[in-house]
Amino acid sequence: MYTTTNYTIELFDRSGNSDEKIELAENVQLGFQKRPKELSPKFFYDERGSQLFEKITRLPEYYQTRTERKLLQQIAPRLAEEKFVELIELGSGSSSKTRVLLSAMTTSGELQHYIPIDVSGDFLLSTAEKLGNDYPTLQIRPVAGDFLDGLKGIERSGSALVIFLGGTIGNLYRSEGVAFLTTVAEDMAEGDLFMMGVDLVKDPTLLHAAYNDSEGVTAEFNKNLLHVINRELDATFNPDEFYHYAFYNPDDTRIEMRLVSKSKQEVNIGKLEIQVDFEEGESILTEISRKFTKASVGSMLSDAGMELIEWWGDDDELFGLIVARKERSGL
């Protein structure tokens, strides 16, 4: 809870009875039975992981954030004309790029609420406090929870622009992405619009550089997942015994990010009462990042019950912003 000069910012936890430690334990238990071993990227984002990711977005190799910000600057005046009452952001992080929209939409005089949704409650509340000070006419209503739940449990007060930035849709397999977008579409009201950032298929050299930065921040972010498992599940991972490996898979048009064991080793996970064996060179798939074309985005939206109505891209075709709406029945 945080009190601004006008109102009190309270964190709404919509996770219900779910326990993140239990989710992590289940993911580790099942993921380490797969071949190759696999973990969900959701668990990157404890407070330290969220901070590391924000650092990644400022790296020179990471074109995504600065390109998306430029596109937001272009589209913000157009979206402000829609006179939305609410801006709802799925997977909001630090909301740094979102400020472009907040500034334009509050200037229009119609926007009343900003509802950021993110899994890291402490990081979310800290961000909400800063936004409350910077946008005193706006009510900030932070929601702690999984963005995969879409708009579930969100109290509505008018037409909304729902946003999902950063190309995060690429972290989901196609079936997962369609299921997520379907969930969002189901709870969209008449007059709502959905905007999403998508990273585009491009020269693999640019992709390789973006996920293998010269400062090693992405490697540190990747290894943070092992720190999370050590802390939460009483495991004995030595992150220094794994190296970060990210490469572009052209057949599936995606980056695959892995942690690779430097040697034959055993890891104990105390709270699961299991031992996990690694061979030298064996990897854990920690994240995928799918890359899109306009056709593949349109197909995914259609399968989820949405229709693409606008496409915004940069001159170098690095990144895209799409605007969609719920498909209208009877058309």
C-alpha atoms as a PDB file:
ATOM      1  CA  MET A   1       0.000   0.000   0.000  1.00  0.00           C
ATOM      2  CA  TYR A   2       1.243   3.467  -0.895  1.00  0.00           C
ATOM      3  CA  THR A   3      -0.492   6.814  -0.428  1.00  0.00           C
ATOM      4  CA  THR A   4      -0.128   9.544  -3.046  1.00  0.00           C
ATOM      5  CA  THR A   5      -1.410  13.074  -2.580  1.00  0.00           C
ATOM      6  CA  ASN A   6      -4.791  12.035  -4.055  1.00  0.00           C
ATOM      7  CA  TYR A   7      -5.442   8.391  -3.239  1.00  0.00           C
ATOM      8  CA  THR A   8      -3.965   5.157  -1.907  1.00  0.00           C
ATOM      9  CA  ILE A   9      -2.304   2.686  -4.271  1.00  0.00           C
ATOM     10  CA  GLU A  10      -3.131  -0.846  -3.182  1.00  0.00           C
ATOM     11  CA  LEU A  11      -1.778  -4.029  -4.704  1.00  0.00           C
ATOM     12  CA  PHE A  12      -4.530  -6.421  -5.742  1.00  0.00           C
ATOM     13  CA  ASP A  13      -3.381 -10.045  -5.657  1.00  0.00           C
ATOM     14  CA  ARG A  14      -5.492 -12.093  -8.058  1.00  0.00           C
ATOM     15  CA  SER A  15      -3.412 -15.252  -7.738  1.00  0.00           C
ATOM     16  CA  GLY A  16      -6.031 -16.612  -5.314  1.00  0.00           C
ATOM     17  CA  ASN A  17      -4.954 -19.781  -3.587  1.00  0.00           C
ATOM     18  CA  SER A  18      -2.123 -20.500  -6.002  1.00  0.00           C
ATOM     19  CA  ASP A  19       1.322 -20.767  -4.455  1.00  0.00           C
ATOM     20  CA  GLU A  20       4.227 -19.701  -6.636  1.00  0.00           C
ATOM     21  CA  LYS A  21       6.611 -22.032  -4.799  1.00  0.00           C
ATOM     22  CA  ILE A  22       4.305 -24.957  -5.519  1.00  0.00           C
ATOM     23  CA  GLU A  23       4.110 -23.926  -9.186  1.00  0.00           C
ATOM     24  CA  LEU A  24       7.900 -23.716  -9.330  1.00  0.00           C
ATOM     25  CA  ALA A  25       8.272 -27.118  -7.669  1.00  0.00           C
ATOM     26  CA  GLU A  26       5.849 -28.709 -10.134  1.00  0.00           C
ATOM     27  CA  ASN A  27       7.589 -27.068 -13.086  1.00  0.00           C
ATOM     28  CA  VAL A  28      11.008 -28.273 -11.936  1.00  0.00           C
ATOM     29  CA  GLN A  29       9.733 -31.784 -11.153  1.00  0.00           C
ATOM     30  CA  LEU A  30       8.121 -32.205 -14.581  1.00  0.00           C
ATOM     31  CA  GLY A  31      10.622 -30.164 -16.559  1.00  0.00           C
ATOM     32  CA  PHE A  32      13.620 -32.193 -15.457  1.00  0.00           C
ATOM     33  CA  GLN A  33      11.891 -35.372 -16.623  1.00  0.00           C
ATOM     34  CA  LYS A  34      11.757 -34.035 -20.185  1.00  0.00           C
ATOM     35  CA  ARG A  35      14.428 -34.571 -22.819  1.00  0.00           C
ATOM     36  CA  PRO A  36      15.904 -32.069 -23.153  1.00  0.00           C
ATOM     37  CA  LYS A  37      15.311 -30.763 -19.655  1.00  0.00           C
ATOM     38  CA  GLU A  38      13.117 -27.663 -19.684  1.00  0.00           C
ATOM     39  CA  LEU A  39      12.034 -24.908 -17.290  1.00  0.00           C
ATOM     40  CA  SER A  40       9.440 -22.151 -17.656  1.00  0.00           C
ATOM     41  CA  PRO A  41      10.791 -18.615 -18.247  1.00  0.00           C
ATOM     42  CA  LYS A  42       8.056 -17.366 -15.887  1.00  0.00           C
ATOM     43  CA  PHE A  43      10.364 -18.035 -12.965  1.00  0.00           C
ATOM     44  CA  PHE A  44      13.106 -15.718 -14.224  1.00  0.00           C
ATOM     45  CA  TYR A  45      11.186 -12.782 -12.837  1.00  0.00           C
ATOM     46  CA  ASP A  46      11.829 -12.566  -9.135  1.00  0.00           C
ATOM     47  CA  GLU A  47      12.870  -9.055  -8.054  1.00  0.00           C
ATOM     48  CA  ARG A  48      16.510  -9.586  -9.112  1.00  0.00           C
ATOM     49  CA  GLY A  49      15.472 -11.158 -12.410  1.00  0.00           C
ATOM     50  CA  SER A  50      13.133  -8.239 -13.158  1.00  0.00           C
ATOM     51  CA  GLN A  51      15.972  -5.797 -12.490  1.00  0.00           C
ATOM     52  CA  LEU A  52      18.350  -7.740 -14.729  1.00  0.00           C
ATOM     53  CA  PHE A  53      15.811  -7.789 -17.531  1.00  0.00           C
ATOM     54  CA  GLU A  54      15.403  -4.029 -17.291  1.00  0.00           C
ATOM     55  CA  LYS A  55      19.179  -3.778 -17.640  1.00  0.00           C
ATOM     56  CA  ILE A  56      19.009  -5.990 -20.751  1.00  0.00           C
ATOM     57  CA  THR A  57      16.509  -3.631 -22.356  1.00  0.00           C
ATOM     58  CA  ARG A  58      19.077  -0.814 -22.174  1.00  0.00           C
ATOM     59  CA  LEU A  59      21.897  -2.759 -23.859  1.00  0.00           C
ATOM     60  CA  PRO A  60      23.074  -1.580 -27.295  1.00  0.00           C
ATOM     61  CA  GLU A  61      22.539  -5.030 -28.845  1.00  0.00           C
ATOM     62  CA  TYR A  62      18.953  -5.265 -27.633  1.00  0.00           C
ATOM     63  CA  TYR A  63      17.129  -3.501 -30.470  1.00  0.00           C
ATOM     64  CA  GLN A  64      13.666  -4.620 -29.351  1.00  0.00           C
ATOM     65  CA  THR A  65      13.008  -2.072 -26.630  1.00  0.00           C
ATOM     66  CA  ARG A  66      14.218   1.055 -28.407  1.00  0.00           C
ATOM     67  CA  THR A  67      12.482   0.049 -31.660  1.00  0.00           C
ATOM     68  CA  GLU A  68       9.213  -0.660 -29.902  1.00  0.00           C
ATOM     69  CA  ARG A  69       9.444   2.647 -28.027  1.00  0.00           C
ATOM     70  CA  LYS A  70       9.813   4.549 -31.317  1.00  0.00           C
ATOM     71  CA  LEU A  71       6.778   2.779 -32.711  1.00  0.00           C
ATOM     72  CA  LEU A  72       4.808   3.632 -29.563  1.00  0.00           C
ATOM     73  CA  GLN A  73       5.715   7.282 -30.034  1.00  0.00           C
ATOM     74  CA  GLN A  74       4.250   7.104 -33.530  1.00  0.00           C
ATOM     75  CA  ILE A  75       1.050   5.330 -32.573  1.00  0.00           C
ATOM     76  CA  ALA A  76       0.345   7.041 -29.216  1.00  0.00           C
ATOM     77  CA  PRO A  77      -1.438  10.124 -30.658  1.00  0.00           C
ATOM     78  CA  ARG A  78      -3.693   7.890 -32.744  1.00  0.00           C
ATOM     79  CA  LEU A  79      -4.603   5.721 -29.731  1.00  0.00           C
ATOM     80  CA  ALA A  80      -5.233   8.779 -27.542  1.00  0.00           C
ATOM     81  CA  GLU A  81      -7.987   9.777 -29.979  1.00  0.00           C
ATOM     82  CA  GLU A  82      -9.916   6.631 -29.009  1.00  0.00           C
ATOM     83  CA  LYS A  83     -10.666   8.183 -25.581  1.00  0.00           C
ATOM     84  CA  PHE A  84     -10.058   5.028 -23.572  1.00  0.00           C
ATOM     85  CA  VAL A  85     -10.961   5.168 -19.891  1.00  0.00           C
ATOM     86  CA  GLU A  86      -8.556   2.376 -18.907  1.00  0.00           C
ATOM     87  CA  LEU A  87      -5.132   1.169 -19.960  1.00  0.00           C
ATOM     88  CA  ILE A  88      -4.553  -2.457 -18.930  1.00  0.00           C
ATOM     89  CA  GLU A  89      -1.068  -3.896 -19.353  1.00  0.00           C
ATOM     90  CA  LEU A  90      -0.318  -7.616 -19.270  1.00  0.00           C
ATOM     91  CA  GLY A  91       3.222  -8.355 -18.051  1.00  0.00           C
ATOM     92  CA  SER A  92       3.992  -4.709 -17.313  1.00  0.00           C
ATOM     93  CA  GLY A  93       7.503  -4.936 -15.841  1.00  0.00           C
ATOM     94  CA  SER A  94       8.830  -1.435 -15.134  1.00  0.00           C
ATOM     95  CA  SER A  95       6.245   0.197 -17.448  1.00  0.00           C
ATOM     96  CA  SER A  96       9.058   2.289 -18.937  1.00  0.00           C
ATOM     97  CA  LYS A  97       7.803   2.153 -22.544  1.00  0.00           C
ATOM     98  CA  THR A  98       4.219   2.463 -21.361  1.00  0.00           C
ATOM     99  CA  ARG A  99       4.937   6.007 -20.217  1.00  0.00           C
ATOM    100  CA  VAL A 100       4.767   7.025 -23.888  1.00  0.00           C
ATOM    101  CA  LEU A 101       1.124   5.929 -23.958  1.00  0.00           C
ATOM    102  CA  LEU A 102       0.320   7.244 -20.485  1.00  0.00           C
ATOM    103  CA  SER A 103       1.577  10.708 -21.376  1.00  0.00           C
ATOM    104  CA  ALA A 104      -0.424  10.858 -24.604  1.00  0.00           C
ATOM    105  CA  MET A 105      -3.590   9.360 -23.147  1.00  0.00           C
ATOM    106  CA  THR A 106      -3.656  11.495 -19.990  1.00  0.00           C
ATOM    107  CA  THR A 107      -3.104  14.619 -22.081  1.00  0.00           C
ATOM    108  CA  SER A 108      -6.266  13.738 -24.001  1.00  0.00           C
ATOM    109  CA  GLY A 109      -8.097  14.040 -20.691  1.00  0.00           C
ATOM    110  CA  GLU A 110     -10.014  10.742 -20.883  1.00  0.00           C
ATOM    111  CA  LEU A 111      -7.745   8.108 -19.312  1.00  0.00           C
ATOM    112  CA  GLN A 112      -8.676   7.458 -15.679  1.00  0.00           C
ATOM    113  CA  HIS A 113      -7.026   4.160 -14.727  1.00  0.00           C
ATOM    114  CA  TYR A 114      -3.797   2.334 -15.454  1.00  0.00           C
ATOM    115  CA  ILE A 115      -3.881  -1.340 -14.448  1.00  0.00           C
ATOM    116  CA  PRO A 116      -0.425  -2.979 -14.664  1.00  0.00           C
ATOM    117  CA  ILE A 117      -0.368  -6.758 -14.207  1.00  0.00           C
ATOM    118  CA  ASP A 118       2.865  -8.544 -13.341  1.00  0.00           C
ATOM    119  CA  VAL A 119       4.027 -11.588 -11.418  1.00  0.00           C
ATOM    120  CA  SER A 120       6.559  -9.762  -9.181  1.00  0.00           C
ATOM    121  CA  GLY A 121       4.423  -7.969  -6.605  1.00  0.00           C
ATOM    122  CA  ASP A 122       7.211  -6.025  -4.881  1.00  0.00           C
ATOM    123  CA  PHE A 123       8.659  -4.778  -8.171  1.00  0.00           C
ATOM    124  CA  LEU A 124       5.154  -3.939  -9.388  1.00  0.00           C
ATOM    125  CA  LEU A 125       4.262  -1.882  -6.320  1.00  0.00           C
ATOM    126  CA  SER A 126       7.559   0.023  -6.496  1.00  0.00           C
ATOM    127  CA  THR A 127       6.828   0.887 -10.130  1.00  0.00           C
ATOM    128  CA  ALA A 128       3.254   1.894  -9.293  1.00  0.00           C
ATOM    129  CA  GLU A 129       4.503   4.314  -6.620  1.00  0.00           C
ATOM    130  CA  LYS A 130       6.738   6.091  -9.134  1.00  0.00           C
ATOM    131  CA  LEU A 131       3.945   6.281 -11.693  1.00  0.00           C
ATOM    132  CA  GLY A 132       1.539   7.636  -9.082  1.00  0.00           C
ATOM    133  CA  ASN A 133       3.896  10.514  -8.429  1.00  0.00           C
ATOM    134  CA  ASP A 134       4.529  11.201 -12.124  1.00  0.00           C
ATOM    135  CA  TYR A 135       0.877  10.974 -13.230  1.00  0.00           C
ATOM    136  CA  PRO A 136      -1.125  12.540 -10.377  1.00  0.00           C
ATOM    137  CA  THR A 137      -4.404  12.669 -12.351  1.00  0.00           C
ATOM    138  CA  LEU A 138      -4.286   8.926 -13.010  1.00  0.00           C
ATOM    139  CA  GLN A 139      -5.343   6.143 -10.667  1.00  0.00           C
ATOM    140  CA  ILE A 140      -2.798   3.293 -10.668  1.00  0.00           C
ATOM    141  CA  ARG A 141      -4.309  -0.093  -9.791  1.00  0.00           C
ATOM    142  CA  PRO A 142      -1.489  -2.696  -9.767  1.00  0.00           C
ATOM    143  CA  VAL A 143      -2.448  -6.373  -9.994  1.00  0.00           C
ATOM    144  CA  ALA A 144      -0.084  -9.145  -8.923  1.00  0.00           C
ATOM    145  CA  GLY A 145      -0.622 -12.267 -10.968  1.00  0.00           C
ATOM    146  CA  ASP A 146       0.175 -14.270 -14.065  1.00  0.00           C
ATOM    147  CA  PHE A 147      -0.466 -12.404 -17.332  1.00  0.00           C
ATOM    148  CA  LEU A 148      -1.689 -15.712 -18.791  1.00  0.00           C
ATOM    149  CA  ASP A 149      -4.920 -15.171 -16.838  1.00  0.00           C
ATOM    150  CA  GLY A 150      -5.690 -12.262 -19.144  1.00  0.00           C
ATOM    151  CA  LEU A 151      -8.363  -9.913 -17.804  1.00  0.00           C
ATOM    152  CA  LYS A 152      -9.733 -12.310 -15.185  1.00  0.00           C
ATOM    153  CA  GLY A 153     -10.667 -10.618 -11.920  1.00  0.00           C
ATOM    154  CA  ILE A 154     -10.120  -7.103 -13.264  1.00  0.00           C
ATOM    155  CA  GLU A 155     -12.822  -4.658 -12.171  1.00  0.00           C
ATOM    156  CA  ARG A 156     -13.794  -2.637 -15.235  1.00  0.00           C
ATOM    157  CA  SER A 157     -15.079   0.926 -15.446  1.00  0.00           C
ATOM    158  CA  GLY A 158     -15.093   1.713 -19.170  1.00  0.00           C
ATOM    159  CA  SER A 159     -13.514   1.111 -22.549  1.00  0.00           C
ATOM    160  CA  ALA A 160      -9.944  -0.164 -22.374  1.00  0.00           C
ATOM    161  CA  LEU A 161      -6.814  -0.455 -24.406  1.00  0.00           C
ATOM    162  CA  VAL A 162      -5.250  -3.781 -23.418  1.00  0.00           C
ATOM    163  CA  ILE A 163      -1.527  -3.951 -24.163  1.00  0.00           C
ATOM    164  CA  PHE A 164       1.035  -6.751 -24.224  1.00  0.00           C
ATOM    165  CA  LEU A 165       4.419  -5.317 -25.128  1.00  0.00           C
ATOM    166  CA  GLY A 166       8.019  -6.459 -25.506  1.00  0.00           C
ATOM    167  CA  GLY A 167       7.446  -9.362 -27.883  1.00  0.00           C
ATOM    168  CA  THR A 168       6.643 -11.539 -24.852  1.00  0.00           C
ATOM    169  CA  ILE A 169       4.108 -13.506 -26.923  1.00  0.00           C
ATOM    170  CA  GLY A 170       7.180 -15.142 -28.480  1.00  0.00           C
ATOM    171  CA  ASN A 171       8.007 -16.852 -25.181  1.00  0.00           C
ATOM    172  CA  LEU A 172       4.927 -19.037 -25.612  1.00  0.00           C
ATOM    173  CA  TYR A 173       4.628 -22.013 -27.937  1.00  0.00           C
ATOM    174  CA  ARG A 174       2.025 -21.349 -30.612  1.00  0.00           C
ATOM    175  CA  SER A 175      -0.695 -23.391 -28.914  1.00  0.00           C
ATOM    176  CA  GLU A 176       0.004 -21.582 -25.635  1.00  0.00           C
ATOM    177  CA  GLY A 177      -0.075 -18.223 -27.399  1.00  0.00           C
ATOM    178  CA  VAL A 178      -3.429 -18.959 -29.009  1.00  0.00           C
ATOM    179  CA  ALA A 179      -4.848 -20.127 -25.668  1.00  0.00           C
ATOM    180  CA  PHE A 180      -3.616 -16.946 -23.960  1.00  0.00           C
ATOM    181  CA  LEU A 181      -5.002 -14.634 -26.644  1.00  0.00           C
ATOM    182  CA  THR A 182      -8.306 -16.515 -26.543  1.00  0.00           C
ATOM    183  CA  THR A 183      -8.498 -15.869 -22.794  1.00  0.00           C
ATOM    184  CA  VAL A 184      -7.879 -12.165 -23.387  1.00  0.00           C
ATOM    185  CA  ALA A 185     -10.458 -11.969 -26.177  1.00  0.00           C
ATOM    186  CA  GLU A 186     -13.149 -13.678 -24.105  1.00  0.00           C
ATOM    187  CA  ASP A 187     -13.148 -10.842 -21.555  1.00  0.00           C
ATOM    188  CA  MET A 188     -12.739  -7.922 -23.952  1.00  0.00           C
ATOM    189  CA  ALA A 189     -15.778  -5.656 -24.105  1.00  0.00           C
ATOM    190  CA  GLU A 190     -17.283  -3.753 -27.014  1.00  0.00           C
ATOM    191  CA  GLY A 191     -15.012  -0.790 -27.691  1.00  0.00           C
ATOM    192  CA  ASP A 192     -11.877  -2.415 -26.255  1.00  0.00           C
ATOM    193  CA  LEU A 193      -8.763  -2.753 -28.387  1.00  0.00           C
ATOM    194  CA  PHE A 194      -5.751  -5.011 -27.949  1.00  0.00           C
ATOM    195  CA  MET A 195      -2.207  -3.952 -28.835  1.00  0.00           C
ATOM    196  CA  MET A 196       0.742  -6.345 -28.892  1.00  0.00           C
ATOM    197  CA  GLY A 197       4.434  -6.088 -29.697  1.00  0.00           C
ATOM    198  CA  VAL A 198       5.944  -8.774 -31.956  1.00  0.00           C
ATOM    199  CA  ASP A 199       9.586  -9.381 -32.775  1.00  0.00           C
ATOM    200  CA  LEU A 200      10.002 -10.097 -36.482  1.00  0.00           C
ATOM    201  CA  VAL A 201      11.957 -12.668 -38.477  1.00  0.00           C
ATOM    202  CA  LYS A 202      15.263 -11.045 -39.471  1.00  0.00           C
ATOM    203  CA  ASP A 203      18.996 -11.546 -40.038  1.00  0.00           C
ATOM    204  CA  PRO A 204      20.095 -14.195 -37.488  1.00  0.00           C
ATOM    205  CA  THR A 205      23.251 -12.176 -36.830  1.00  0.00           C
ATOM    206  CA  LEU A 206      21.163  -9.444 -35.201  1.00  0.00           C
ATOM    207  CA  LEU A 207      19.233 -11.997 -33.177  1.00  0.00           C
ATOM    208  CA  HIS A 208      22.394 -13.731 -31.976  1.00  0.00           C
ATOM    209  CA  ALA A 209      23.870 -10.427 -30.774  1.00  0.00           C
ATOM    210  CA  ALA A 210      20.665  -9.482 -28.943  1.00  0.00           C
ATOM    211  CA  TYR A 211      20.676 -12.677 -26.870  1.00  0.00           C
ATOM    212  CA  ASN A 212      24.450 -12.935 -26.383  1.00  0.00           C
ATOM    213  CA  ASP A 213      25.343  -9.399 -25.292  1.00  0.00           C
ATOM    214  CA  SER A 214      28.963  -8.392 -24.825  1.00  0.00           C
ATOM    215  CA  GLU A 215      28.446  -7.421 -21.162  1.00  0.00           C
ATOM    216  CA  GLY A 216      27.089 -10.834 -20.208  1.00  0.00           C
ATOM    217  CA  VAL A 217      23.881  -9.454 -18.698  1.00  0.00           C
ATOM    218  CA  THR A 218      21.667 -11.955 -20.548  1.00  0.00           C
ATOM    219  CA  ALA A 219      23.879 -14.781 -19.291  1.00  0.00           C
ATOM    220  CA  GLU A 220      23.461 -13.510 -15.737  1.00  0.00           C
ATOM    221  CA  PHE A 221      19.701 -13.233 -16.264  1.00  0.00           C
ATOM    222  CA  ASN A 222      19.578 -16.808 -17.562  1.00  0.00           C
ATOM    223  CA  LYS A 223      21.563 -18.160 -14.608  1.00  0.00           C
ATOM    224  CA  ASN A 224      19.333 -16.276 -12.170  1.00  0.00           C
ATOM    225  CA  LEU A 225      16.795 -19.050 -12.711  1.00  0.00           C
ATOM    226  CA  LEU A 226      19.183 -21.421 -10.897  1.00  0.00           C
ATOM    227  CA  HIS A 227      19.492 -18.954  -8.014  1.00  0.00           C
ATOM    228  CA  VAL A 228      15.681 -18.911  -7.766  1.00  0.00           C
ATOM    229  CA  ILE A 229      15.532 -22.723  -7.593  1.00  0.00           C
ATOM    230  CA  ASN A 230      18.321 -22.812  -4.997  1.00  0.00           C
ATOM    231  CA  ARG A 231      16.531 -20.277  -2.787  1.00  0.00           C
ATOM    232  CA  GLU A 232      12.975 -21.531  -3.122  1.00  0.00           C
ATOM    233  CA  LEU A 233      13.524 -25.297  -3.349  1.00  0.00           C
ATOM    234  CA  ASP A 234      16.700 -25.737  -1.299  1.00  0.00           C
ATOM    235  CA  ALA A 235      18.704 -26.881  -4.334  1.00  0.00           C
ATOM    236  CA  THR A 236      22.488 -27.105  -4.778  1.00  0.00           C
ATOM    237  CA  PHE A 237      22.974 -25.658  -8.267  1.00  0.00           C
ATOM    238  CA  ASN A 238      26.321 -23.949  -8.811  1.00  0.00           C
ATOM    239  CA  PRO A 239      25.454 -21.406 -11.534  1.00  0.00           C
ATOM    240  CA  ASP A 240      29.155 -21.098 -12.394  1.00  0.00           C
ATOM    241  CA  GLU A 241      29.069 -24.724 -13.547  1.00  0.00           C
ATOM    242  CA  PHE A 242      26.653 -23.805 -16.345  1.00  0.00           C
ATOM    243  CA  TYR A 243      27.122 -21.521 -19.286  1.00  0.00           C
ATOM    244  CA  HIS A 244      24.594 -19.453 -21.172  1.00  0.00           C
ATOM    245  CA  TYR A 245      23.853 -20.557 -24.737  1.00  0.00           C
ATOM    246  CA  ALA A 246      21.384 -18.867 -27.093  1.00  0.00           C
ATOM    247  CA  PHE A 247      20.959 -19.585 -30.805  1.00  0.00           C
ATOM    248  CA  TYR A 248      18.472 -19.032 -33.616  1.00  0.00           C
ATOM    249  CA  ASN A 249      16.536 -22.053 -34.855  1.00  0.00           C
ATOM    250  CA  PRO A 250      15.474 -21.125 -38.425  1.00  0.00           C
ATOM    251  CA  ASP A 251      13.170 -24.122 -38.850  1.00  0.00           C
ATOM    252  CA  ASP A 252      10.974 -22.931 -35.980  1.00  0.00           C
ATOM    253  CA  THR A 253      11.845 -19.222 -36.444  1.00  0.00           C
ATOM    254  CA  ARG A 254      12.777 -18.837 -32.804  1.00  0.00           C
ATOM    255  CA  ILE A 255      15.636 -18.153 -30.434  1.00  0.00           C
ATOM    256  CA  GLU A 256      16.298 -20.974 -27.980  1.00  0.00           C
ATOM    257  CA  MET A 257      18.007 -20.021 -24.733  1.00  0.00           C
ATOM    258  CA  ARG A 258      19.671 -22.736 -22.717  1.00  0.00           C
ATOM    259  CA  LEU A 259      21.887 -23.401 -19.727  1.00  0.00           C
ATOM    260  CA  VAL A 260      24.562 -25.961 -20.547  1.00  0.00           C
ATOM    261  CA  SER A 261      26.353 -28.067 -17.954  1.00  0.00           C
ATOM    262  CA  LYS A 262      30.130 -27.630 -18.066  1.00  0.00           C
ATOM    263  CA  SER A 263      30.751 -31.066 -16.560  1.00  0.00           C
ATOM    264  CA  LYS A 264      29.145 -34.279 -15.371  1.00  0.00           C
ATOM    265  CA  GLN A 265      27.476 -33.293 -12.114  1.00  0.00           C
ATOM    266  CA  GLU A 266      24.755 -34.057  -9.595  1.00  0.00           C
ATOM    267  CA  VAL A 267      22.336 -31.512  -8.166  1.00  0.00           C
ATOM    268  CA  ASN A 268      20.184 -32.122  -5.107  1.00  0.00           C
ATOM    269  CA  ILE A 269      16.803 -30.404  -4.807  1.00  0.00           C
ATOM    270  CA  GLY A 270      16.027 -30.669  -1.115  1.00  0.00           C
ATOM    271  CA  LYS A 271      12.358 -29.745  -1.045  1.00  0.00           C
ATOM    272  CA  LEU A 272      11.604 -32.218  -3.831  1.00  0.00           C
ATOM    273  CA  GLU A 273      13.854 -34.875  -2.299  1.00  0.00           C
ATOM    274  CA  ILE A 274      15.359 -35.664  -5.683  1.00  0.00           C
ATOM    275  CA  GLN A 275      18.768 -35.744  -7.290  1.00  0.00           C
ATOM    276  CA  VAL A 276      19.160 -34.494 -10.856  1.00  0.00           C
ATOM    277  CA  ASP A 277      22.075 -35.765 -12.941  1.00  0.00           C
ATOM    278  CA  PHE A 278      23.692 -33.783 -15.740  1.00  0.00           C
ATOM    279  CA  GLU A 279      26.098 -35.041 -18.343  1.00  0.00           C
ATOM    280  CA  GLU A 280      28.813 -32.734 -19.641  1.00  0.00           C
ATOM    281  CA  GLY A 281      27.253 -30.618 -22.393  1.00  0.00           C
ATOM    282  CA  GLU A 282      23.671 -31.440 -21.361  1.00  0.00           C
ATOM    283  CA  SER A 283      21.354 -28.451 -21.523  1.00  0.00           C
ATOM    284  CA  ILE A 284      18.233 -27.027 -19.910  1.00  0.00           C
ATOM    285  CA  LEU A 285      15.900 -25.171 -22.274  1.00  0.00           C
ATOM    286  CA  THR A 286      14.988 -22.049 -20.267  1.00  0.00           C
ATOM    287  CA  GLU A 287      13.263 -19.906 -22.870  1.00  0.00           C
ATOM    288  CA  ILE A 288      12.075 -19.751 -26.439  1.00  0.00           C
ATOM    289  CA  SER A 289      11.520 -16.460 -28.251  1.00  0.00           C
ATOM    290  CA  ARG A 290       9.516 -16.927 -31.420  1.00  0.00           C
ATOM    291  CA  LYS A 291       9.881 -14.463 -34.291  1.00  0.00           C
ATOM    292  CA  PHE A 292       6.930 -13.530 -36.477  1.00  0.00           C
ATOM    293  CA  THR A 293       5.755 -12.369 -39.867  1.00  0.00           C
ATOM    294  CA  LYS A 294       2.575 -10.405 -40.520  1.00  0.00           C
ATOM    295  CA  ALA A 295       0.981 -13.596 -41.857  1.00  0.00           C
ATOM    296  CA  SER A 296       1.876 -15.696 -38.804  1.00  0.00           C
ATOM    297  CA  VAL A 297       0.571 -12.999 -36.441  1.00  0.00           C
ATOM    298  CA  GLY A 298      -2.697 -12.730 -38.353  1.00  0.00           C
ATOM    299  CA  SER A 299      -3.163 -16.490 -38.283  1.00  0.00           C
ATOM    300  CA  MET A 300      -2.545 -16.667 -34.536  1.00  0.00           C
ATOM    301  CA  LEU A 301      -4.987 -13.831 -33.824  1.00  0.00           C
ATOM    302  CA  SER A 302      -7.657 -15.406 -36.022  1.00  0.00           C
ATOM    303  CA  ASP A 303      -7.344 -18.730 -34.199  1.00  0.00           C
ATOM    304  CA  ALA A 304      -7.831 -16.839 -30.919  1.00  0.00           C
ATOM    305  CA  GLY A 305     -10.997 -15.036 -32.016  1.00  0.00           C
ATOM    306  CA  MET A 306      -9.375 -11.690 -32.780  1.00  0.00           C
ATOM    307  CA  GLU A 307      -8.956  -9.751 -35.987  1.00  0.00           C
ATOM    308  CA  LEU A 308      -5.956  -7.667 -36.960  1.00  0.00           C
ATOM    309  CA  ILE A 309      -6.965  -4.081 -37.763  1.00  0.00           C
ATOM    310  CA  GLU A 310      -3.644  -2.191 -37.743  1.00  0.00           C
ATOM    311  CA  TRP A 311       0.032  -3.042 -38.272  1.00  0.00           C
ATOM    312  CA  TRP A 312       2.872  -0.676 -37.392  1.00  0.00           C
ATOM    313  CA  GLY A 313       6.480  -1.545 -38.257  1.00  0.00           C
ATOM    314  CA  ASP A 314       9.836   0.205 -38.430  1.00  0.00           C
ATOM    315  CA  ASP A 315      11.674   0.857 -41.704  1.00  0.00           C
ATOM    316  CA  ASP A 316      14.229  -1.892 -40.980  1.00  0.00           C
ATOM    317  CA  GLU A 317      11.482  -4.459 -40.301  1.00  0.00           C
ATOM    318  CA  LEU A 318      12.881  -5.350 -36.900  1.00  0.00           C
ATOM    319  CA  PHE A 319       9.750  -5.133 -34.781  1.00  0.00           C
ATOM    320  CA  GLY A 320       6.008  -4.714 -35.146  1.00  0.00           C
ATOM    321  CA  LEU A 321       3.091  -3.340 -33.162  1.00  0.00           C
ATOM    322  CA  ILE A 322      -0.332  -4.752 -33.936  1.00  0.00           C
ATOM    323  CA  VAL A 323      -3.756  -3.465 -32.979  1.00  0.00           C
ATOM    324  CA  ALA A 324      -6.575  -6.004 -32.889  1.00  0.00           C
ATOM    325  CA  ARG A 325     -10.127  -6.325 -31.677  1.00  0.00           C
ATOM    326  CA  LYS A 326     -12.397  -9.156 -30.700  1.00  0.00           C
ATOM    327  CA  GLU A 327     -14.021 -10.707 -33.745  1.00  0.00           C
ATOM    328  CA  ARG A 328     -17.512  -9.432 -34.228  1.00  0.00           C
ATOM    329  CA  SER A 329     -20.138 -12.166 -34.329  1.00  0.00           C
ATOM    330  CA  GLY A 330     -22.297 -12.337 -37.402  1.00  0.00           C
ATOM    331  CA  LEU A 331     -19.731 -10.801 -39.720  1.00  0.00           C
END
